[in-house]
Amino acid sequence: MPQTYIDRTVQPDDRKRATTRHSIQIDRRENITVSGVTDVISFDEESVICESEMGVIIIKGANLHVKRINLESGELVVSGEIDGLSYENSAGGKAKSFMGRLFK
């Protein structure tokens, strides 16, 4: 009689969100449009921190204003004087939460 083996490896979560396109468009360092945004963590006049499918994005500048945010379509539009943009990733490529970064 042949033996049957059962594969008991853990499968990745099938309920993951469908990935959307992620892009960033900066217009004359005055307006920035980010697609693929899943959450806005915090914002003030000097920084906007949002979570995207590619990691946490930090937009730095002066007089920053969130003009539009639509989490259903994943679009974020920020205006102001844009000085820089950076990504933060944790090990494994998955973005850390804001609280996780705060209490390192």
Protein backbone atom coordinates (compact mmCIF):
# COMPACT_ATOMS: atom_id res chain seq x y z
CA MET A 1 0.00 0.00 0.00
CA PRO A 2 1.53 3.41 -0.98
CA GLN A 3 2.13 5.96 1.78
CA THR A 4 0.55 9.38 1.61
CA TYR A 5 2.44 12.40 2.89
CA ILE A 6 0.66 15.51 4.06
CA ASP A 7 2.38 18.84 3.49
CA ARG A 8 2.04 20.83 6.71
CA THR A 9 3.98 23.94 5.68
CA VAL A 10 2.41 27.25 6.54
CA GLN A 11 0.96 29.01 3.53
CA PRO A 12 1.04 32.82 3.25
CA ASP A 13 -2.13 34.67 4.14
CA ASP A 14 -4.44 34.51 1.12
CA ARG A 15 -6.38 37.54 2.32
CA LYS A 16 -3.64 40.00 1.38
CA ARG A 17 -4.79 43.11 -0.41
CA ALA A 18 -4.58 43.11 -4.15
CA THR A 19 -1.52 45.09 -5.08
CA THR A 20 -2.00 48.32 -6.95
CA ARG A 21 0.54 50.31 -8.86
CA HIS A 22 2.87 52.37 -6.72
CA SER A 23 4.22 55.59 -8.17
CA ILE A 24 5.41 59.00 -7.06
CA GLN A 25 5.13 62.17 -9.12
CA ILE A 26 6.71 65.43 -7.96
CA ASP A 27 5.82 68.64 -9.76
CA ARG A 28 8.37 71.47 -9.35
CA ARG A 29 8.95 70.44 -5.70
CA GLU A 30 5.58 72.03 -4.90
CA ASN A 31 3.15 69.12 -5.31
CA ILE A 32 3.63 65.41 -4.83
CA THR A 33 1.20 62.66 -5.80
CA VAL A 34 1.75 59.19 -4.35
CA SER A 35 -0.23 56.14 -5.44
CA GLY A 36 -0.34 52.81 -3.64
CA VAL A 37 -0.84 54.46 -0.21
CA THR A 38 -2.51 52.21 2.36
CA ASP A 39 -2.52 54.54 5.40
CA VAL A 40 -1.46 58.00 6.55
CA ILE A 41 0.39 57.64 9.84
CA SER A 42 0.94 61.32 10.69
CA PHE A 43 1.29 64.72 9.11
CA ASP A 44 2.14 68.28 10.03
CA GLU A 45 3.59 71.30 8.21
CA GLU A 46 7.11 69.77 8.16
CA SER A 47 6.48 66.09 7.36
CA VAL A 48 3.93 63.61 6.06
CA ILE A 49 4.41 59.96 7.00
CA CYS A 50 2.38 57.40 5.11
CA GLU A 51 2.43 53.66 4.62
CA SER A 52 2.51 52.29 1.10
CA GLU A 53 2.72 48.86 -0.43
CA MET A 54 6.46 49.44 -0.87
CA GLY A 55 7.17 50.61 2.70
CA VAL A 56 6.76 53.67 4.90
CA ILE A 57 7.27 56.94 2.99
CA ILE A 58 8.44 60.12 4.73
CA ILE A 59 7.92 63.39 2.88
CA LYS A 60 9.80 66.33 4.39
CA GLY A 61 9.47 70.02 3.67
CA ALA A 62 7.85 73.24 4.81
CA ASN A 63 4.24 74.43 4.74
CA LEU A 64 3.08 70.92 3.76
CA HIS A 65 -0.66 70.39 3.36
CA VAL A 66 -2.51 67.18 2.55
CA LYS A 67 -4.67 68.26 -0.37
CA ARG A 68 -6.31 64.92 -1.04
CA ILE A 69 -6.26 61.44 0.46
CA ASN A 70 -8.28 58.52 -0.88
CA LEU A 71 -7.33 55.22 0.75
CA GLU A 72 -9.76 53.26 -1.42
CA SER A 73 -7.85 54.23 -4.57
CA GLY A 74 -4.56 54.59 -2.64
CA GLU A 75 -3.90 58.19 -3.73
CA LEU A 76 -2.25 60.91 -1.63
CA VAL A 77 -1.63 64.47 -2.83
CA VAL A 78 0.54 66.85 -0.77
CA SER A 79 1.40 70.48 -1.56
CA GLY A 80 4.05 72.78 -0.09
CA GLU A 81 7.82 73.18 -0.29
CA ILE A 82 9.07 69.61 -0.73
CA ASP A 83 12.65 69.11 0.50
CA GLY A 84 12.95 65.33 0.44
CA LEU A 85 11.36 61.93 0.33
CA SER A 86 12.58 58.67 1.80
CA TYR A 87 11.44 55.09 2.34
CA GLU A 88 11.80 53.14 5.57
CA ASN A 89 11.77 49.36 5.47
CA SER A 90 12.29 46.79 8.18
CA ALA A 91 13.87 43.38 7.72
CA GLY A 92 11.98 41.26 5.25
CA GLY A 93 10.71 44.25 3.30
CA LYS A 94 7.60 44.70 5.42
CA ALA A 95 7.10 48.20 6.79
CA LYS A 96 7.26 48.68 10.56
CA SER A 97 4.38 50.39 12.25
CA PHE A 98 4.76 53.92 13.55
CA MET A 99 4.65 52.68 17.15
CA GLY A 100 7.29 50.06 16.34
CA ARG A 101 9.64 52.77 15.05
CA LEU A 102 8.86 55.02 18.00
CA PHE A 103 9.76 52.39 20.63
CA LYS A 104 12.88 50.80 19.06
